Amino acid sequence: MQAQETVADYENTIVQFRNLVKELQPAGQSKSGKESASTEEHKPEAESQAMINLKFELQNTTMKAQSKGIFLFMEPLSLRFESTNTFI
């Protein structure tokens, strides 16, 4: 169940990233000469902030997946350790 949630969260983040890239590519390709020079002063800040936010979200998703993986790995070990200590 937790693994499925992690995968769904990861896939959602990837979809958001792809959508952002699709939005930014046409905007960058359609500009020419003076238009791009005048709008580059304001637009990159918003684009870079969006990329920073997306990067943070990707890192957060990765950390969640890693922690869940560690938890799922450690849970059987913990149960085994607890069962051996109850007999002592």
N, C-alpha and C. Protein backbone atom coordinates (compact mmCIF):
# COMPACT_ATOMS: atom_id res chain seq x y z
N MET A 1 0.83 -1.19 0.00
CA MET A 1 0.00 0.00 0.00
C MET A 1 0.88 1.26 0.00
N GLN A 2 1.87 1.30 0.89
CA GLN A 2 2.74 2.47 0.97
C GLN A 2 3.57 2.62 -0.30
N ALA A 3 4.00 1.49 -0.84
CA ALA A 3 4.79 1.54 -2.06
C ALA A 3 3.96 2.10 -3.22
N GLN A 4 2.68 1.73 -3.27
CA GLN A 4 1.81 2.23 -4.33
C GLN A 4 1.60 3.73 -4.20
N GLU A 5 1.46 4.22 -2.96
CA GLU A 5 1.31 5.65 -2.74
C GLU A 5 2.57 6.39 -3.16
N THR A 6 3.71 5.82 -2.85
CA THR A 6 4.98 6.43 -3.21
C THR A 6 5.12 6.50 -4.73
N VAL A 7 4.78 5.42 -5.40
CA VAL A 7 4.87 5.39 -6.86
C VAL A 7 3.91 6.40 -7.46
N ALA A 8 2.69 6.47 -6.93
CA ALA A 8 1.70 7.42 -7.45
C ALA A 8 2.18 8.85 -7.24
N ASP A 9 2.76 9.13 -6.07
CA ASP A 9 3.28 10.47 -5.78
C ASP A 9 4.43 10.81 -6.73
N TYR A 10 5.30 9.85 -6.96
CA TYR A 10 6.44 10.04 -7.85
C TYR A 10 5.97 10.29 -9.28
N GLU A 11 5.00 9.49 -9.74
CA GLU A 11 4.49 9.67 -11.10
C GLU A 11 3.80 11.02 -11.26
N ASN A 12 3.07 11.46 -10.25
CA ASN A 12 2.42 12.76 -10.28
C ASN A 12 3.46 13.88 -10.40
N THR A 13 4.54 13.76 -9.68
CA THR A 13 5.60 14.76 -9.75
C THR A 13 6.24 14.79 -11.13
N ILE A 14 6.45 13.63 -11.72
CA ILE A 14 7.02 13.56 -13.06
C ILE A 14 6.09 14.21 -14.08
N VAL A 15 4.79 13.96 -13.95
CA VAL A 15 3.81 14.56 -14.86
C VAL A 15 3.84 16.08 -14.74
N GLN A 16 3.92 16.58 -13.50
CA GLN A 16 3.99 18.03 -13.29
C GLN A 16 5.25 18.61 -13.92
N PHE A 17 6.37 17.90 -13.77
CA PHE A 17 7.63 18.35 -14.36
C PHE A 17 7.53 18.41 -15.88
N ARG A 18 6.97 17.37 -16.48
CA ARG A 18 6.83 17.33 -17.94
C ARG A 18 5.93 18.46 -18.43
N ASN A 19 4.84 18.70 -17.71
CA ASN A 19 3.94 19.79 -18.10
C ASN A 19 4.64 21.14 -18.02
N LEU A 20 5.43 21.34 -16.98
CA LEU A 20 6.17 22.59 -16.83
C LEU A 20 7.17 22.76 -17.97
N VAL A 21 7.87 21.69 -18.32
CA VAL A 21 8.83 21.75 -19.42
C VAL A 21 8.12 22.07 -20.73
N LYS A 22 6.96 21.45 -20.97
CA LYS A 22 6.20 21.72 -22.19
C LYS A 22 5.76 23.17 -22.25
N GLU A 23 5.37 23.72 -21.10
CA GLU A 23 4.94 25.12 -21.06
C GLU A 23 6.10 26.07 -21.33
N LEU A 24 7.26 25.75 -20.81
CA LEU A 24 8.41 26.64 -20.95
C LEU A 24 9.05 26.56 -22.32
N GLN A 25 9.02 25.41 -22.97
CA GLN A 25 9.66 25.27 -24.28
C GLN A 25 9.02 26.14 -25.34
N PRO A 26 7.71 26.11 -25.54
CA PRO A 26 7.13 26.97 -26.58
C PRO A 26 7.34 28.45 -26.27
N ALA A 27 7.31 28.82 -25.02
CA ALA A 27 7.52 30.22 -24.66
C ALA A 27 8.93 30.67 -25.06
N GLY A 28 9.89 29.81 -24.88
CA GLY A 28 11.27 30.14 -25.24
C GLY A 28 11.50 30.10 -26.73
N GLN A 29 10.80 29.24 -27.46
CA GLN A 29 11.00 29.11 -28.89
C GLN A 29 10.29 30.20 -29.69
N SER A 30 9.19 30.73 -29.19
CA SER A 30 8.41 31.70 -29.96
C SER A 30 8.95 33.13 -29.84
N LYS A 31 9.83 33.37 -28.91
CA LYS A 31 10.37 34.73 -28.72
C LYS A 31 11.43 35.03 -29.78
N SER A 32 11.54 36.30 -30.10
CA SER A 32 12.58 36.69 -31.04
C SER A 32 13.20 38.02 -30.61
N GLY A 33 14.43 38.21 -30.96
CA GLY A 33 15.19 39.45 -30.78
C GLY A 33 14.83 40.32 -29.59
N LYS A 34 14.19 41.47 -29.89
CA LYS A 34 13.89 42.47 -28.86
C LYS A 34 12.88 41.97 -27.85
N GLU A 35 11.90 41.19 -28.28
CA GLU A 35 10.90 40.66 -27.35
C GLU A 35 11.56 39.83 -26.27
N SER A 36 12.45 38.95 -26.67
CA SER A 36 13.10 38.09 -25.70
C SER A 36 14.02 38.89 -24.79
N ALA A 37 14.66 39.91 -25.32
CA ALA A 37 15.55 40.73 -24.50
C ALA A 37 14.78 41.51 -23.45
N SER A 38 13.61 42.05 -23.83
CA SER A 38 12.84 42.84 -22.87
C SER A 38 12.14 41.99 -21.84
N THR A 39 11.67 40.81 -22.22
CA THR A 39 10.94 39.97 -21.26
C THR A 39 11.87 39.07 -20.45
N GLU A 40 13.10 38.92 -20.88
CA GLU A 40 14.03 38.07 -20.13
C GLU A 40 14.31 38.62 -18.74
N GLU A 41 14.13 39.92 -18.57
CA GLU A 41 14.39 40.51 -17.26
C GLU A 41 13.38 40.04 -16.21
N HIS A 42 12.14 39.83 -16.60
CA HIS A 42 11.09 39.48 -15.65
C HIS A 42 10.75 37.99 -15.66
N LYS A 43 10.69 37.39 -16.81
CA LYS A 43 10.25 36.01 -16.95
C LYS A 43 11.19 34.98 -16.30
N PRO A 44 12.50 35.10 -16.44
CA PRO A 44 13.36 34.07 -15.86
C PRO A 44 13.20 33.91 -14.35
N GLU A 45 12.89 34.99 -13.68
CA GLU A 45 12.72 34.87 -12.23
C GLU A 45 11.56 33.95 -11.90
N ALA A 46 10.44 34.12 -12.59
CA ALA A 46 9.28 33.26 -12.35
C ALA A 46 9.56 31.83 -12.79
N GLU A 47 10.23 31.68 -13.95
CA GLU A 47 10.56 30.35 -14.44
C GLU A 47 11.55 29.66 -13.52
N SER A 48 12.57 30.39 -13.07
CA SER A 48 13.55 29.76 -12.20
C SER A 48 12.93 29.42 -10.85
N GLN A 49 12.01 30.25 -10.38
CA GLN A 49 11.33 29.92 -9.12
C GLN A 49 10.48 28.67 -9.29
N ALA A 50 9.82 28.54 -10.44
CA ALA A 50 9.02 27.35 -10.70
C ALA A 50 9.91 26.11 -10.77
N MET A 51 11.06 26.25 -11.40
CA MET A 51 12.00 25.13 -11.48
C MET A 51 12.55 24.78 -10.11
N ILE A 52 12.84 25.78 -9.30
CA ILE A 52 13.33 25.54 -7.93
C ILE A 52 12.27 24.81 -7.13
N ASN A 53 11.01 25.25 -7.25
CA ASN A 53 9.92 24.59 -6.53
C ASN A 53 9.76 23.15 -6.99
N LEU A 54 9.86 22.93 -8.29
CA LEU A 54 9.72 21.58 -8.82
C LEU A 54 10.88 20.70 -8.37
N LYS A 55 12.07 21.26 -8.38
CA LYS A 55 13.24 20.50 -7.93
C LYS A 55 13.08 20.12 -6.46
N PHE A 56 12.59 21.05 -5.66
CA PHE A 56 12.36 20.77 -4.24
C PHE A 56 11.32 19.65 -4.08
N GLU A 57 10.27 19.71 -4.89
CA GLU A 57 9.23 18.68 -4.81
C GLU A 57 9.77 17.31 -5.23
N LEU A 58 10.61 17.28 -6.26
CA LEU A 58 11.23 16.03 -6.69
C LEU A 58 12.14 15.47 -5.60
N GLN A 59 12.92 16.35 -4.96
CA GLN A 59 13.78 15.90 -3.89
C GLN A 59 12.96 15.38 -2.72
N ASN A 60 11.87 16.06 -2.41
CA ASN A 60 11.00 15.64 -1.33
C ASN A 60 10.40 14.27 -1.62
N THR A 61 9.95 14.07 -2.85
CA THR A 61 9.38 12.78 -3.24
C THR A 61 10.43 11.68 -3.15
N THR A 62 11.64 11.99 -3.58
CA THR A 62 12.72 11.01 -3.51
C THR A 62 13.02 10.64 -2.07
N MET A 63 13.07 11.64 -1.21
CA MET A 63 13.34 11.37 0.21
C MET A 63 12.23 10.53 0.84
N LYS A 64 10.98 10.81 0.47
CA LYS A 64 9.86 10.01 0.99
C LYS A 64 10.01 8.56 0.54
N ALA A 65 10.33 8.37 -0.73
CA ALA A 65 10.47 7.01 -1.26
C ALA A 65 11.61 6.28 -0.58
N GLN A 66 12.73 6.97 -0.36
CA GLN A 66 13.86 6.35 0.31
C GLN A 66 13.53 5.99 1.75
N SER A 67 12.84 6.91 2.47
CA SER A 67 12.50 6.60 3.85
C SER A 67 11.52 5.46 3.96
N LYS A 68 10.55 5.41 3.03
CA LYS A 68 9.61 4.29 3.05
C LYS A 68 10.33 2.99 2.74
N GLY A 69 11.26 3.05 1.82
CA GLY A 69 12.04 1.85 1.49
C GLY A 69 12.85 1.37 2.68
N ILE A 70 13.47 2.29 3.39
CA ILE A 70 14.24 1.93 4.58
C ILE A 70 13.32 1.35 5.64
N PHE A 71 12.16 1.99 5.83
CA PHE A 71 11.22 1.50 6.83
C PHE A 71 10.75 0.09 6.48
N LEU A 72 10.42 -0.13 5.20
CA LEU A 72 9.97 -1.45 4.78
C LEU A 72 11.07 -2.50 4.91
N PHE A 73 12.31 -2.08 4.75
CA PHE A 73 13.43 -3.00 4.92
C PHE A 73 13.67 -3.30 6.39
N MET A 74 13.54 -2.28 7.24
CA MET A 74 13.84 -2.44 8.66
C MET A 74 12.72 -3.12 9.45
N GLU A 75 11.50 -3.02 8.99
CA GLU A 75 10.37 -3.57 9.74
C GLU A 75 10.52 -5.07 10.01
N PRO A 76 10.83 -5.91 9.02
CA PRO A 76 11.01 -7.34 9.32
C PRO A 76 12.19 -7.58 10.27
N LEU A 77 13.25 -6.80 10.11
CA LEU A 77 14.39 -6.95 11.01
C LEU A 77 14.01 -6.60 12.44
N SER A 78 13.22 -5.55 12.58
CA SER A 78 12.76 -5.14 13.90
C SER A 78 11.88 -6.22 14.53
N LEU A 79 10.99 -6.77 13.74
CA LEU A 79 10.12 -7.84 14.25
C LEU A 79 10.93 -9.07 14.64
N ARG A 80 11.91 -9.40 13.85
CA ARG A 80 12.78 -10.54 14.17
C ARG A 80 13.55 -10.28 15.45
N PHE A 81 14.06 -9.06 15.61
CA PHE A 81 14.80 -8.70 16.82
C PHE A 81 13.90 -8.76 18.05
N GLU A 82 12.69 -8.26 17.92
CA GLU A 82 11.75 -8.29 19.04
C GLU A 82 11.38 -9.72 19.42
N SER A 83 11.22 -10.58 18.43
CA SER A 83 10.85 -11.97 18.73
C SER A 83 11.99 -12.72 19.40
N THR A 84 13.23 -12.39 19.05
CA THR A 84 14.36 -13.06 19.71
C THR A 84 14.56 -12.55 21.12
N ASN A 85 14.24 -11.31 21.38
CA ASN A 85 14.40 -10.75 22.73
C ASN A 85 13.31 -11.22 23.68
N THR A 86 12.18 -11.63 23.19
CA THR A 86 11.10 -12.07 24.08
C THR A 86 11.41 -13.41 24.70
N PHE A 87 12.26 -14.20 24.06
CA PHE A 87 12.60 -15.52 24.60
C PHE A 87 13.73 -15.45 25.60
N ILE A 88 14.44 -14.37 25.66
CA ILE A 88 15.60 -14.26 26.56
C ILE A 88 15.16 -13.96 27.96
